[in-house]
Amino acid sequence: MYVPQHFELGPERTRALLSAPGVGNLVTVHDQGPLATLVPFYLDEQRDVLVTHLVRNNPQVREPITAQGMVVLDDVDAYVAPAYYATNEETPNVPTWDYVTVHVWGPVRIDTSPQRALEVAEALTRRMEREDVLTPVGRDKLERMARAIVAVEVGIERVQGKAKMSQNRHPDDVRSLIGHMERLGEDDMARFLREVSLPYAEARFATIARLRGARSLDEEIRSFH
Protein backbone atom coordinates (compact mmCIF):
# COMPACT_ATOMS: atom_id res chain seq x y z
CA MET A 1 0.00 0.00 0.00
CA TYR A 2 1.41 3.38 -1.00
CA VAL A 3 1.34 5.73 2.00
CA PRO A 4 2.64 9.30 1.62
CA GLN A 5 4.04 10.60 4.89
CA HIS A 6 1.14 13.01 5.50
CA PHE A 7 -1.33 10.11 5.18
CA GLU A 8 0.39 7.80 7.66
CA LEU A 9 -1.89 6.53 10.42
CA GLY A 10 -0.03 6.82 13.72
CA PRO A 11 0.83 3.69 15.72
CA GLU A 12 -1.60 4.48 18.53
CA ARG A 13 -4.58 4.83 16.22
CA THR A 14 -3.45 1.84 14.17
CA ARG A 15 -3.30 -0.32 17.29
CA ALA A 16 -6.66 0.99 18.48
CA LEU A 17 -8.25 -0.04 15.19
CA LEU A 18 -6.70 -3.51 15.43
CA SER A 19 -7.83 -3.89 19.05
CA ALA A 20 -11.50 -3.25 18.31
CA PRO A 21 -13.36 -6.28 16.92
CA GLY A 22 -14.36 -5.61 13.35
CA VAL A 23 -14.81 -6.96 9.88
CA GLY A 24 -12.05 -7.19 7.30
CA ASN A 25 -10.88 -9.05 4.22
CA LEU A 26 -8.71 -12.11 4.81
CA VAL A 27 -6.50 -12.51 1.73
CA THR A 28 -4.57 -15.75 1.18
CA VAL A 29 -2.36 -16.89 -1.68
CA HIS A 30 -2.77 -20.30 -3.35
CA ASP A 31 -1.50 -22.06 -6.47
CA GLN A 32 -4.42 -20.67 -8.49
CA GLY A 33 -3.92 -17.14 -7.15
CA PRO A 34 -5.17 -14.98 -4.27
CA LEU A 35 -8.51 -15.60 -2.53
CA ALA A 36 -10.36 -13.35 -0.11
CA THR A 37 -13.25 -13.58 2.36
CA LEU A 38 -14.89 -10.81 4.38
CA VAL A 39 -14.92 -12.03 7.99
CA PRO A 40 -14.98 -10.64 11.55
CA PHE A 41 -11.67 -10.46 13.42
CA TYR A 42 -10.59 -9.90 16.98
CA LEU A 43 -7.10 -9.30 18.35
CA ASP A 44 -5.50 -11.81 20.70
CA GLU A 45 -3.20 -9.31 22.42
CA GLN A 46 -1.18 -11.86 24.38
CA ARG A 47 -0.18 -13.79 21.25
CA ASP A 48 -0.33 -10.78 18.89
CA VAL A 49 -2.49 -12.49 16.28
CA LEU A 50 -5.73 -11.60 14.51
CA VAL A 51 -8.29 -14.36 14.97
CA THR A 52 -11.33 -15.34 12.91
CA HIS A 53 -13.11 -18.40 11.58
CA LEU A 54 -14.04 -19.67 8.14
CA VAL A 55 -16.53 -22.19 6.82
CA ARG A 56 -14.77 -25.54 6.50
CA ASN A 57 -15.66 -25.83 2.79
CA ASN A 58 -14.12 -22.45 1.92
CA PRO A 59 -11.35 -22.89 -0.71
CA GLN A 60 -9.10 -20.78 1.50
CA VAL A 61 -9.23 -23.66 3.98
CA ARG A 62 -9.18 -26.54 1.51
CA GLU A 63 -6.35 -25.32 -0.76
CA PRO A 64 -2.75 -25.10 0.53
CA ILE A 65 -1.62 -21.58 1.38
CA THR A 66 1.64 -20.75 -0.40
CA ALA A 67 2.64 -17.37 1.07
CA GLN A 68 1.98 -14.94 3.92
CA GLY A 69 -1.60 -13.85 4.44
CA MET A 70 -2.94 -10.32 4.48
CA VAL A 71 -5.81 -8.74 6.42
CA VAL A 72 -7.40 -5.51 5.19
CA LEU A 73 -9.32 -3.69 7.91
CA ASP A 74 -11.23 -0.61 6.74
CA ASP A 75 -12.42 1.84 9.35
CA VAL A 76 -14.32 4.79 7.82
CA ASP A 77 -14.72 6.15 4.29
CA ALA A 78 -16.84 8.65 2.38
CA TYR A 79 -17.15 10.34 -1.00
CA VAL A 80 -15.91 13.93 -1.03
CA ALA A 81 -17.50 16.24 -3.61
CA PRO A 82 -15.55 19.30 -4.83
CA ALA A 83 -18.25 21.57 -3.39
CA TYR A 84 -17.42 20.29 0.11
CA TYR A 85 -14.18 22.29 0.02
CA ALA A 86 -14.33 25.94 1.05
CA THR A 87 -11.63 26.91 -1.45
CA ASN A 88 -13.33 25.29 -4.44
CA GLU A 89 -14.35 28.63 -5.97
CA GLU A 90 -10.80 29.98 -5.82
CA THR A 91 -9.16 26.68 -6.83
CA PRO A 92 -11.55 24.21 -8.50
CA ASN A 93 -11.12 20.67 -7.19
CA VAL A 94 -11.89 17.16 -8.43
CA PRO A 95 -13.96 14.62 -6.47
CA THR A 96 -12.11 12.20 -4.21
CA TRP A 97 -12.72 9.53 -1.57
CA ASP A 98 -11.41 9.83 1.98
CA TYR A 99 -10.77 6.72 4.07
CA VAL A 100 -8.92 5.07 6.94
CA THR A 101 -7.54 1.55 6.47
CA VAL A 102 -5.03 -0.81 8.08
CA HIS A 103 -3.19 -3.64 6.32
CA VAL A 104 -1.65 -6.53 8.24
CA TRP A 105 0.73 -9.17 6.88
CA GLY A 106 1.76 -12.41 8.56
CA PRO A 107 1.66 -16.20 8.55
CA VAL A 108 -1.75 -17.87 8.43
CA ARG A 109 -2.48 -20.77 10.74
CA ILE A 110 -5.63 -22.91 10.35
CA ASP A 111 -6.84 -25.12 13.19
CA THR A 112 -9.46 -27.60 11.98
CA SER A 113 -10.48 -28.90 15.41
CA PRO A 114 -14.15 -28.16 16.24
CA GLN A 115 -13.13 -27.38 19.83
CA ARG A 116 -10.82 -24.56 18.76
CA ALA A 117 -13.37 -23.31 16.23
CA LEU A 118 -15.97 -23.02 18.99
CA GLU A 119 -13.49 -21.26 21.30
CA VAL A 120 -12.77 -18.67 18.62
CA ALA A 121 -16.44 -18.11 17.77
CA GLU A 122 -17.34 -17.76 21.45
CA ALA A 123 -14.45 -15.36 22.06
CA LEU A 124 -15.68 -13.08 19.30
CA THR A 125 -19.26 -13.31 20.57
CA ARG A 126 -18.18 -12.29 24.08
CA ARG A 127 -16.58 -9.17 22.63
CA MET A 128 -19.83 -8.20 20.92
CA GLU A 129 -22.65 -9.48 23.13
CA ARG A 130 -23.71 -10.01 26.72
CA GLU A 131 -22.22 -13.02 28.50
CA ASP A 132 -25.29 -15.28 28.35
CA VAL A 133 -26.37 -14.67 24.73
CA LEU A 134 -25.38 -18.18 23.61
CA THR A 135 -26.94 -19.97 26.60
CA PRO A 136 -30.38 -20.48 24.95
CA VAL A 137 -28.69 -22.08 21.93
CA GLY A 138 -27.41 -24.94 24.06
CA ARG A 139 -24.01 -26.60 24.24
CA ASP A 140 -24.92 -29.55 22.02
CA LYS A 141 -26.08 -27.34 19.16
CA LEU A 142 -23.05 -25.05 19.45
CA GLU A 143 -20.71 -28.03 19.26
CA ARG A 144 -22.53 -29.37 16.19
CA MET A 145 -22.34 -25.97 14.50
CA ALA A 146 -18.62 -25.74 15.29
CA ARG A 147 -17.95 -28.80 13.12
CA ALA A 148 -18.75 -26.67 10.07
CA ILE A 149 -16.12 -24.01 10.75
CA VAL A 150 -12.37 -23.78 11.38
CA ALA A 151 -10.29 -21.35 13.43
CA VAL A 152 -7.91 -19.05 11.57
CA GLU A 153 -5.08 -16.94 12.97
CA VAL A 154 -2.94 -14.36 11.19
CA GLY A 155 0.31 -13.45 12.88
CA ILE A 156 1.03 -9.72 13.01
CA GLU A 157 4.49 -9.39 11.45
CA ARG A 158 3.98 -6.14 9.56
CA VAL A 159 1.34 -3.42 9.91
CA GLN A 160 0.66 -0.39 7.73
CA GLY A 161 -2.01 2.20 8.46
CA LYS A 162 -3.24 4.87 6.07
CA ALA A 163 -5.60 7.78 6.68
CA LYS A 164 -6.29 9.66 3.47
CA MET A 165 -8.42 12.23 5.24
CA SER A 166 -7.73 15.60 3.58
CA GLN A 167 -4.76 16.38 5.85
CA ASN A 168 -3.02 17.87 2.80
CA ARG A 169 -5.82 20.38 2.18
CA HIS A 170 -6.12 24.00 3.27
CA PRO A 171 -7.47 24.19 6.85
CA ASP A 172 -10.57 25.99 5.59
CA ASP A 173 -11.25 22.98 3.36
CA VAL A 174 -11.00 20.62 6.32
CA ARG A 175 -13.35 22.79 8.39
CA SER A 176 -15.94 22.89 5.63
CA LEU A 177 -15.56 19.14 5.08
CA ILE A 178 -16.25 18.53 8.77
CA GLY A 179 -19.51 20.46 8.45
CA HIS A 180 -20.59 18.47 5.40
CA MET A 181 -19.77 15.14 7.06
CA GLU A 182 -21.76 16.11 10.15
CA ARG A 183 -24.76 17.05 7.98
CA LEU A 184 -24.47 13.72 6.17
CA GLY A 185 -24.44 11.83 9.46
CA GLU A 186 -20.83 10.68 8.97
CA ASP A 187 -19.98 11.31 12.62
CA ASP A 188 -16.89 9.07 12.74
CA MET A 189 -15.50 10.77 9.64
CA ALA A 190 -16.16 14.19 11.14
CA ARG A 191 -14.52 13.20 14.42
CA PHE A 192 -11.31 12.04 12.71
CA LEU A 193 -11.21 15.16 10.56
CA ARG A 194 -11.58 17.36 13.64
CA GLU A 195 -9.14 15.48 15.88
CA VAL A 196 -6.44 14.57 13.36
CA SER A 197 -6.79 16.19 9.95
CA LEU A 198 -7.52 19.75 11.05
CA PRO A 199 -4.60 20.11 13.51
CA TYR A 200 -2.26 18.60 10.91
CA ALA A 201 -3.53 20.90 8.14
CA GLU A 202 -3.27 23.97 10.39
CA ALA A 203 0.30 23.13 11.37
CA ARG A 204 1.27 22.37 7.78
CA PHE A 205 -0.33 25.55 6.45
CA ALA A 206 1.32 27.66 9.16
CA THR A 207 4.72 26.25 8.21
CA ILE A 208 4.15 26.88 4.49
CA ALA A 209 2.88 30.41 5.16
CA ARG A 210 5.86 31.18 7.38
CA LEU A 211 8.33 29.93 4.79
CA ARG A 212 6.71 31.77 1.91
CA GLY A 213 5.88 34.98 3.75
CA ALA A 214 2.56 36.74 4.16
CA ARG A 215 0.34 36.68 1.08
CA SER A 216 -3.25 37.34 0.21
CA LEU A 217 -5.71 34.54 0.95
CA ASP A 218 -6.11 33.74 -2.76
CA GLU A 219 -2.35 33.50 -3.22
CA GLU A 220 -2.00 31.35 -0.11
CA ILE A 221 -4.70 28.95 -1.30
CA ARG A 222 -3.21 28.63 -4.76
CA SER A 223 0.28 28.01 -3.39
CA PHE A 224 -0.98 25.49 -0.81
CA HIS A 225 -2.36 23.02 -3.38
C-alpha atoms as a PDB file:
ATOM      1  CA  MET A   1       0.000   0.000   0.000  1.00  0.00           C
ATOM      2  CA  TYR A   2       1.405   3.379  -0.997  1.00  0.00           C
ATOM      3  CA  VAL A   3       1.342   5.727   1.998  1.00  0.00           C
ATOM      4  CA  PRO A   4       2.644   9.301   1.619  1.00  0.00           C
ATOM      5  CA  GLN A   5       4.044  10.602   4.887  1.00  0.00           C
ATOM      6  CA  HIS A   6       1.142  13.009   5.504  1.00  0.00           C
ATOM      7  CA  PHE A   7      -1.333  10.107   5.181  1.00  0.00           C
ATOM      8  CA  GLU A   8       0.394   7.796   7.658  1.00  0.00           C
ATOM      9  CA  LEU A   9      -1.887   6.535  10.420  1.00  0.00           C
ATOM     10  CA  GLY A  10      -0.028   6.824  13.722  1.00  0.00           C
ATOM     11  CA  PRO A  11       0.831   3.687  15.720  1.00  0.00           C
ATOM     12  CA  GLU A  12      -1.604   4.484  18.535  1.00  0.00           C
ATOM     13  CA  ARG A  13      -4.585   4.834  16.216  1.00  0.00           C
ATOM     14  CA  THR A  14      -3.448   1.845  14.173  1.00  0.00           C
ATOM     15  CA  ARG A  15      -3.302  -0.317  17.289  1.00  0.00           C
ATOM     16  CA  ALA A  16      -6.660   0.986  18.482  1.00  0.00           C
ATOM     17  CA  LEU A  17      -8.247  -0.038  15.195  1.00  0.00           C
ATOM     18  CA  LEU A  18      -6.697  -3.506  15.433  1.00  0.00           C
ATOM     19  CA  SER A  19      -7.825  -3.889  19.051  1.00  0.00           C
ATOM     20  CA  ALA A  20     -11.499  -3.247  18.306  1.00  0.00           C
ATOM     21  CA  PRO A  21     -13.364  -6.280  16.920  1.00  0.00           C
ATOM     22  CA  GLY A  22     -14.362  -5.608  13.350  1.00  0.00           C
ATOM     23  CA  VAL A  23     -14.806  -6.956   9.879  1.00  0.00           C
ATOM     24  CA  GLY A  24     -12.051  -7.192   7.299  1.00  0.00           C
ATOM     25  CA  ASN A  25     -10.885  -9.050   4.225  1.00  0.00           C
ATOM     26  CA  LEU A  26      -8.712 -12.112   4.807  1.00  0.00           C
ATOM     27  CA  VAL A  27      -6.502 -12.514   1.733  1.00  0.00           C
ATOM     28  CA  THR A  28      -4.575 -15.753   1.181  1.00  0.00           C
ATOM     29  CA  VAL A  29      -2.357 -16.892  -1.678  1.00  0.00           C
ATOM     30  CA  HIS A  30      -2.769 -20.297  -3.353  1.00  0.00           C
ATOM     31  CA  ASP A  31      -1.502 -22.059  -6.473  1.00  0.00           C
ATOM     32  CA  GLN A  32      -4.418 -20.666  -8.493  1.00  0.00           C
ATOM     33  CA  GLY A  33      -3.920 -17.140  -7.151  1.00  0.00           C
ATOM     34  CA  PRO A  34      -5.171 -14.979  -4.265  1.00  0.00           C
ATOM     35  CA  LEU A  35      -8.512 -15.602  -2.532  1.00  0.00           C
ATOM     36  CA  ALA A  36     -10.363 -13.351  -0.110  1.00  0.00           C
ATOM     37  CA  THR A  37     -13.247 -13.576   2.363  1.00  0.00           C
ATOM     38  CA  LEU A  38     -14.889 -10.806   4.380  1.00  0.00           C
ATOM     39  CA  VAL A  39     -14.918 -12.033   7.990  1.00  0.00           C
ATOM     40  CA  PRO A  40     -14.983 -10.639  11.553  1.00  0.00           C
ATOM     41  CA  PHE A  41     -11.673 -10.461  13.423  1.00  0.00           C
ATOM     42  CA  TYR A  42     -10.590  -9.901  16.985  1.00  0.00           C
ATOM     43  CA  LEU A  43      -7.098  -9.297  18.350  1.00  0.00           C
ATOM     44  CA  ASP A  44      -5.499 -11.812  20.702  1.00  0.00           C
ATOM     45  CA  GLU A  45      -3.200  -9.311  22.420  1.00  0.00           C
ATOM     46  CA  GLN A  46      -1.178 -11.865  24.382  1.00  0.00           C
ATOM     47  CA  ARG A  47      -0.183 -13.785  21.250  1.00  0.00           C
ATOM     48  CA  ASP A  48      -0.333 -10.778  18.885  1.00  0.00           C
ATOM     49  CA  VAL A  49      -2.492 -12.493  16.277  1.00  0.00           C
ATOM     50  CA  LEU A  50      -5.726 -11.602  14.514  1.00  0.00           C
ATOM     51  CA  VAL A  51      -8.289 -14.359  14.965  1.00  0.00           C
ATOM     52  CA  THR A  52     -11.330 -15.336  12.914  1.00  0.00           C
ATOM     53  CA  HIS A  53     -13.115 -18.403  11.578  1.00  0.00           C
ATOM     54  CA  LEU A  54     -14.044 -19.670   8.136  1.00  0.00           C
ATOM     55  CA  VAL A  55     -16.533 -22.195   6.823  1.00  0.00           C
ATOM     56  CA  ARG A  56     -14.765 -25.538   6.500  1.00  0.00           C
ATOM     57  CA  ASN A  57     -15.662 -25.834   2.792  1.00  0.00           C
ATOM     58  CA  ASN A  58     -14.124 -22.450   1.922  1.00  0.00           C
ATOM     59  CA  PRO A  59     -11.354 -22.895  -0.711  1.00  0.00           C
ATOM     60  CA  GLN A  60      -9.103 -20.776   1.502  1.00  0.00           C
ATOM     61  CA  VAL A  61      -9.231 -23.664   3.976  1.00  0.00           C
ATOM     62  CA  ARG A  62      -9.179 -26.541   1.505  1.00  0.00           C
ATOM     63  CA  GLU A  63      -6.354 -25.317  -0.761  1.00  0.00           C
ATOM     64  CA  PRO A  64      -2.750 -25.100   0.531  1.00  0.00           C
ATOM     65  CA  ILE A  65      -1.619 -21.577   1.381  1.00  0.00           C
ATOM     66  CA  THR A  66       1.639 -20.745  -0.398  1.00  0.00           C
ATOM     67  CA  ALA A  67       2.637 -17.365   1.071  1.00  0.00           C
ATOM     68  CA  GLN A  68       1.979 -14.943   3.921  1.00  0.00           C
ATOM     69  CA  GLY A  69      -1.596 -13.846   4.442  1.00  0.00           C
ATOM     70  CA  MET A  70      -2.941 -10.324   4.484  1.00  0.00           C
ATOM     71  CA  VAL A  71      -5.805  -8.736   6.417  1.00  0.00           C
ATOM     72  CA  VAL A  72      -7.400  -5.507   5.191  1.00  0.00           C
ATOM     73  CA  LEU A  73      -9.324  -3.687   7.911  1.00  0.00           C
ATOM     74  CA  ASP A  74     -11.226  -0.614   6.741  1.00  0.00           C
ATOM     75  CA  ASP A  75     -12.420   1.845   9.352  1.00  0.00           C
ATOM     76  CA  VAL A  76     -14.315   4.790   7.815  1.00  0.00           C
ATOM     77  CA  ASP A  77     -14.721   6.149   4.290  1.00  0.00           C
ATOM     78  CA  ALA A  78     -16.842   8.649   2.377  1.00  0.00           C
ATOM     79  CA  TYR A  79     -17.153  10.342  -1.000  1.00  0.00           C
ATOM     80  CA  VAL A  80     -15.906  13.933  -1.033  1.00  0.00           C
ATOM     81  CA  ALA A  81     -17.497  16.244  -3.609  1.00  0.00           C
ATOM     82  CA  PRO A  82     -15.554  19.296  -4.826  1.00  0.00           C
ATOM     83  CA  ALA A  83     -18.246  21.568  -3.390  1.00  0.00           C
ATOM     84  CA  TYR A  84     -17.422  20.292   0.109  1.00  0.00           C
ATOM     85  CA  TYR A  85     -14.180  22.294   0.015  1.00  0.00           C
ATOM     86  CA  ALA A  86     -14.333  25.943   1.050  1.00  0.00           C
ATOM     87  CA  THR A  87     -11.633  26.905  -1.454  1.00  0.00           C
ATOM     88  CA  ASN A  88     -13.326  25.288  -4.437  1.00  0.00           C
ATOM     89  CA  GLU A  89     -14.355  28.626  -5.974  1.00  0.00           C
ATOM     90  CA  GLU A  90     -10.798  29.982  -5.821  1.00  0.00           C
ATOM     91  CA  THR A  91      -9.156  26.683  -6.827  1.00  0.00           C
ATOM     92  CA  PRO A  92     -11.547  24.208  -8.501  1.00  0.00           C
ATOM     93  CA  ASN A  93     -11.124  20.667  -7.192  1.00  0.00           C
ATOM     94  CA  VAL A  94     -11.893  17.161  -8.428  1.00  0.00           C
ATOM     95  CA  PRO A  95     -13.961  14.619  -6.474  1.00  0.00           C
ATOM     96  CA  THR A  96     -12.110  12.200  -4.205  1.00  0.00           C
ATOM     97  CA  TRP A  97     -12.722   9.530  -1.575  1.00  0.00           C
ATOM     98  CA  ASP A  98     -11.413   9.828   1.976  1.00  0.00           C
ATOM     99  CA  TYR A  99     -10.767   6.719   4.073  1.00  0.00           C
ATOM    100  CA  VAL A 100      -8.921   5.069   6.938  1.00  0.00           C
ATOM    101  CA  THR A 101      -7.538   1.554   6.470  1.00  0.00           C
ATOM    102  CA  VAL A 102      -5.030  -0.807   8.076  1.00  0.00           C
ATOM    103  CA  HIS A 103      -3.189  -3.640   6.321  1.00  0.00           C
ATOM    104  CA  VAL A 104      -1.648  -6.535   8.244  1.00  0.00           C
ATOM    105  CA  TRP A 105       0.734  -9.170   6.881  1.00  0.00           C
ATOM    106  CA  GLY A 106       1.763 -12.413   8.557  1.00  0.00           C
ATOM    107  CA  PRO A 107       1.661 -16.202   8.552  1.00  0.00           C
ATOM    108  CA  VAL A 108      -1.750 -17.868   8.425  1.00  0.00           C
ATOM    109  CA  ARG A 109      -2.477 -20.771  10.739  1.00  0.00           C
ATOM    110  CA  ILE A 110      -5.626 -22.908  10.353  1.00  0.00           C
ATOM    111  CA  ASP A 111      -6.840 -25.119  13.193  1.00  0.00           C
ATOM    112  CA  THR A 112      -9.457 -27.605  11.983  1.00  0.00           C
ATOM    113  CA  SER A 113     -10.478 -28.900  15.406  1.00  0.00           C
ATOM    114  CA  PRO A 114     -14.145 -28.160  16.243  1.00  0.00           C
ATOM    115  CA  GLN A 115     -13.127 -27.380  19.826  1.00  0.00           C
ATOM    116  CA  ARG A 116     -10.816 -24.564  18.763  1.00  0.00           C
ATOM    117  CA  ALA A 117     -13.367 -23.308  16.227  1.00  0.00           C
ATOM    118  CA  LEU A 118     -15.965 -23.025  18.994  1.00  0.00           C
ATOM    119  CA  GLU A 119     -13.487 -21.265  21.303  1.00  0.00           C
ATOM    120  CA  VAL A 120     -12.772 -18.674  18.617  1.00  0.00           C
ATOM    121  CA  ALA A 121     -16.441 -18.110  17.766  1.00  0.00           C
ATOM    122  CA  GLU A 122     -17.338 -17.761  21.453  1.00  0.00           C
ATOM    123  CA  ALA A 123     -14.449 -15.356  22.062  1.00  0.00           C
ATOM    124  CA  LEU A 124     -15.682 -13.075  19.296  1.00  0.00           C
ATOM    125  CA  THR A 125     -19.257 -13.305  20.566  1.00  0.00           C
ATOM    126  CA  ARG A 126     -18.176 -12.295  24.084  1.00  0.00           C
ATOM    127  CA  ARG A 127     -16.584  -9.170  22.631  1.00  0.00           C
ATOM    128  CA  MET A 128     -19.827  -8.199  20.915  1.00  0.00           C
ATOM    129  CA  GLU A 129     -22.645  -9.485  23.131  1.00  0.00           C
ATOM    130  CA  ARG A 130     -23.709 -10.009  26.725  1.00  0.00           C
ATOM    131  CA  GLU A 131     -22.220 -13.019  28.500  1.00  0.00           C
ATOM    132  CA  ASP A 132     -25.293 -15.276  28.345  1.00  0.00           C
ATOM    133  CA  VAL A 133     -26.366 -14.666  24.732  1.00  0.00           C
ATOM    134  CA  LEU A 134     -25.382 -18.184  23.612  1.00  0.00           C
ATOM    135  CA  THR A 135     -26.940 -19.969  26.595  1.00  0.00           C
ATOM    136  CA  PRO A 136     -30.380 -20.478  24.946  1.00  0.00           C
ATOM    137  CA  VAL A 137     -28.694 -22.079  21.926  1.00  0.00           C
ATOM    138  CA  GLY A 138     -27.410 -24.942  24.059  1.00  0.00           C
ATOM    139  CA  ARG A 139     -24.006 -26.596  24.235  1.00  0.00           C
ATOM    140  CA  ASP A 140     -24.915 -29.554  22.022  1.00  0.00           C
ATOM    141  CA  LYS A 141     -26.076 -27.344  19.160  1.00  0.00           C
ATOM    142  CA  LEU A 142     -23.051 -25.047  19.447  1.00  0.00           C
ATOM    143  CA  GLU A 143     -20.705 -28.030  19.256  1.00  0.00           C
ATOM    144  CA  ARG A 144     -22.532 -29.371  16.188  1.00  0.00           C
ATOM    145  CA  MET A 145     -22.338 -25.974  14.495  1.00  0.00           C
ATOM    146  CA  ALA A 146     -18.618 -25.739  15.286  1.00  0.00           C
ATOM    147  CA  ARG A 147     -17.950 -28.801  13.125  1.00  0.00           C
ATOM    148  CA  ALA A 148     -18.752 -26.675  10.065  1.00  0.00           C
ATOM    149  CA  ILE A 149     -16.115 -24.010  10.746  1.00  0.00           C
ATOM    150  CA  VAL A 150     -12.375 -23.778  11.375  1.00  0.00           C
ATOM    151  CA  ALA A 151     -10.292 -21.350  13.425  1.00  0.00           C
ATOM    152  CA  VAL A 152      -7.913 -19.047  11.566  1.00  0.00           C
ATOM    153  CA  GLU A 153      -5.085 -16.938  12.968  1.00  0.00           C
ATOM    154  CA  VAL A 154      -2.944 -14.358  11.189  1.00  0.00           C
ATOM    155  CA  GLY A 155       0.308 -13.445  12.877  1.00  0.00           C
ATOM    156  CA  ILE A 156       1.029  -9.721  13.008  1.00  0.00           C
ATOM    157  CA  GLU A 157       4.491  -9.394  11.449  1.00  0.00           C
ATOM    158  CA  ARG A 158       3.980  -6.141   9.562  1.00  0.00           C
ATOM    159  CA  VAL A 159       1.343  -3.420   9.906  1.00  0.00           C
ATOM    160  CA  GLN A 160       0.661  -0.386   7.734  1.00  0.00           C
ATOM    161  CA  GLY A 161      -2.008   2.205   8.461  1.00  0.00           C
ATOM    162  CA  LYS A 162      -3.244   4.874   6.074  1.00  0.00           C
ATOM    163  CA  ALA A 163      -5.596   7.783   6.683  1.00  0.00           C
ATOM    164  CA  LYS A 164      -6.289   9.659   3.472  1.00  0.00           C
ATOM    165  CA  MET A 165      -8.420  12.234   5.237  1.00  0.00           C
ATOM    166  CA  SER A 166      -7.730  15.604   3.585  1.00  0.00           C
ATOM    167  CA  GLN A 167      -4.762  16.384   5.848  1.00  0.00           C
ATOM    168  CA  ASN A 168      -3.021  17.872   2.802  1.00  0.00           C
ATOM    169  CA  ARG A 169      -5.819  20.376   2.176  1.00  0.00           C
ATOM    170  CA  HIS A 170      -6.117  23.996   3.271  1.00  0.00           C
ATOM    171  CA  PRO A 171      -7.466  24.193   6.854  1.00  0.00           C
ATOM    172  CA  ASP A 172     -10.571  25.992   5.588  1.00  0.00           C
ATOM    173  CA  ASP A 173     -11.248  22.978   3.359  1.00  0.00           C
ATOM    174  CA  VAL A 174     -11.004  20.620   6.319  1.00  0.00           C
ATOM    175  CA  ARG A 175     -13.353  22.790   8.388  1.00  0.00           C
ATOM    176  CA  SER A 176     -15.939  22.890   5.628  1.00  0.00           C
ATOM    177  CA  LEU A 177     -15.555  19.139   5.083  1.00  0.00           C
ATOM    178  CA  ILE A 178     -16.246  18.531   8.772  1.00  0.00           C
ATOM    179  CA  GLY A 179     -19.508  20.461   8.449  1.00  0.00           C
ATOM    180  CA  HIS A 180     -20.587  18.474   5.403  1.00  0.00           C
ATOM    181  CA  MET A 181     -19.772  15.143   7.058  1.00  0.00           C
ATOM    182  CA  GLU A 182     -21.761  16.108  10.146  1.00  0.00           C
ATOM    183  CA  ARG A 183     -24.757  17.046   7.985  1.00  0.00           C
ATOM    184  CA  LEU A 184     -24.472  13.724   6.168  1.00  0.00           C
ATOM    185  CA  GLY A 185     -24.436  11.829   9.464  1.00  0.00           C
ATOM    186  CA  GLU A 186     -20.829  10.675   8.973  1.00  0.00           C
ATOM    187  CA  ASP A 187     -19.976  11.309  12.616  1.00  0.00           C
ATOM    188  CA  ASP A 188     -16.889   9.073  12.735  1.00  0.00           C
ATOM    189  CA  MET A 189     -15.496  10.768   9.643  1.00  0.00           C
ATOM    190  CA  ALA A 190     -16.163  14.191  11.145  1.00  0.00           C
ATOM    191  CA  ARG A 191     -14.516  13.201  14.418  1.00  0.00           C
ATOM    192  CA  PHE A 192     -11.315  12.035  12.710  1.00  0.00           C
ATOM    193  CA  LEU A 193     -11.208  15.160  10.562  1.00  0.00           C
ATOM    194  CA  ARG A 194     -11.580  17.360  13.637  1.00  0.00           C
ATOM    195  CA  GLU A 195      -9.137  15.484  15.878  1.00  0.00           C
ATOM    196  CA  VAL A 196      -6.441  14.565  13.360  1.00  0.00           C
ATOM    197  CA  SER A 197      -6.795  16.186   9.948  1.00  0.00           C
ATOM    198  CA  LEU A 198      -7.523  19.749  11.053  1.00  0.00           C
ATOM    199  CA  PRO A 199      -4.601  20.108  13.509  1.00  0.00           C
ATOM    200  CA  TYR A 200      -2.256  18.602  10.908  1.00  0.00           C
ATOM    201  CA  ALA A 201      -3.533  20.900   8.143  1.00  0.00           C
ATOM    202  CA  GLU A 202      -3.273  23.967  10.389  1.00  0.00           C
ATOM    203  CA  ALA A 203       0.295  23.132  11.365  1.00  0.00           C
ATOM    204  CA  ARG A 204       1.267  22.374   7.778  1.00  0.00           C
ATOM    205  CA  PHE A 205      -0.330  25.548   6.448  1.00  0.00           C
ATOM    206  CA  ALA A 206       1.316  27.657   9.156  1.00  0.00           C
ATOM    207  CA  THR A 207       4.716  26.251   8.209  1.00  0.00           C
ATOM    208  CA  ILE A 208       4.152  26.878   4.490  1.00  0.00           C
ATOM    209  CA  ALA A 209       2.885  30.413   5.158  1.00  0.00           C
ATOM    210  CA  ARG A 210       5.857  31.179   7.377  1.00  0.00           C
ATOM    211  CA  LEU A 211       8.335  29.932   4.785  1.00  0.00           C
ATOM    212  CA  ARG A 212       6.714  31.770   1.911  1.00  0.00           C
ATOM    213  CA  GLY A 213       5.885  34.975   3.751  1.00  0.00           C
ATOM    214  CA  ALA A 214       2.557  36.743   4.161  1.00  0.00           C
ATOM    215  CA  ARG A 215       0.344  36.677   1.076  1.00  0.00           C
ATOM    216  CA  SER A 216      -3.254  37.338   0.213  1.00  0.00           C
ATOM    217  CA  LEU A 217      -5.709  34.537   0.947  1.00  0.00           C
ATOM    218  CA  ASP A 218      -6.114  33.741  -2.761  1.00  0.00           C
ATOM    219  CA  GLU A 219      -2.350  33.500  -3.220  1.00  0.00           C
ATOM    220  CA  GLU A 220      -2.003  31.347  -0.109  1.00  0.00           C
ATOM    221  CA  ILE A 221      -4.699  28.947  -1.300  1.00  0.00           C
ATOM    222  CA  ARG A 222      -3.208  28.627  -4.763  1.00  0.00           C
ATOM    223  CA  SER A 223       0.285  28.012  -3.388  1.00  0.00           C
ATOM    224  CA  PHE A 224      -0.981  25.490  -0.812  1.00  0.00           C
ATOM    225  CA  HIS A 225      -2.363  23.022  -3.377  1.00  0.00           C
END
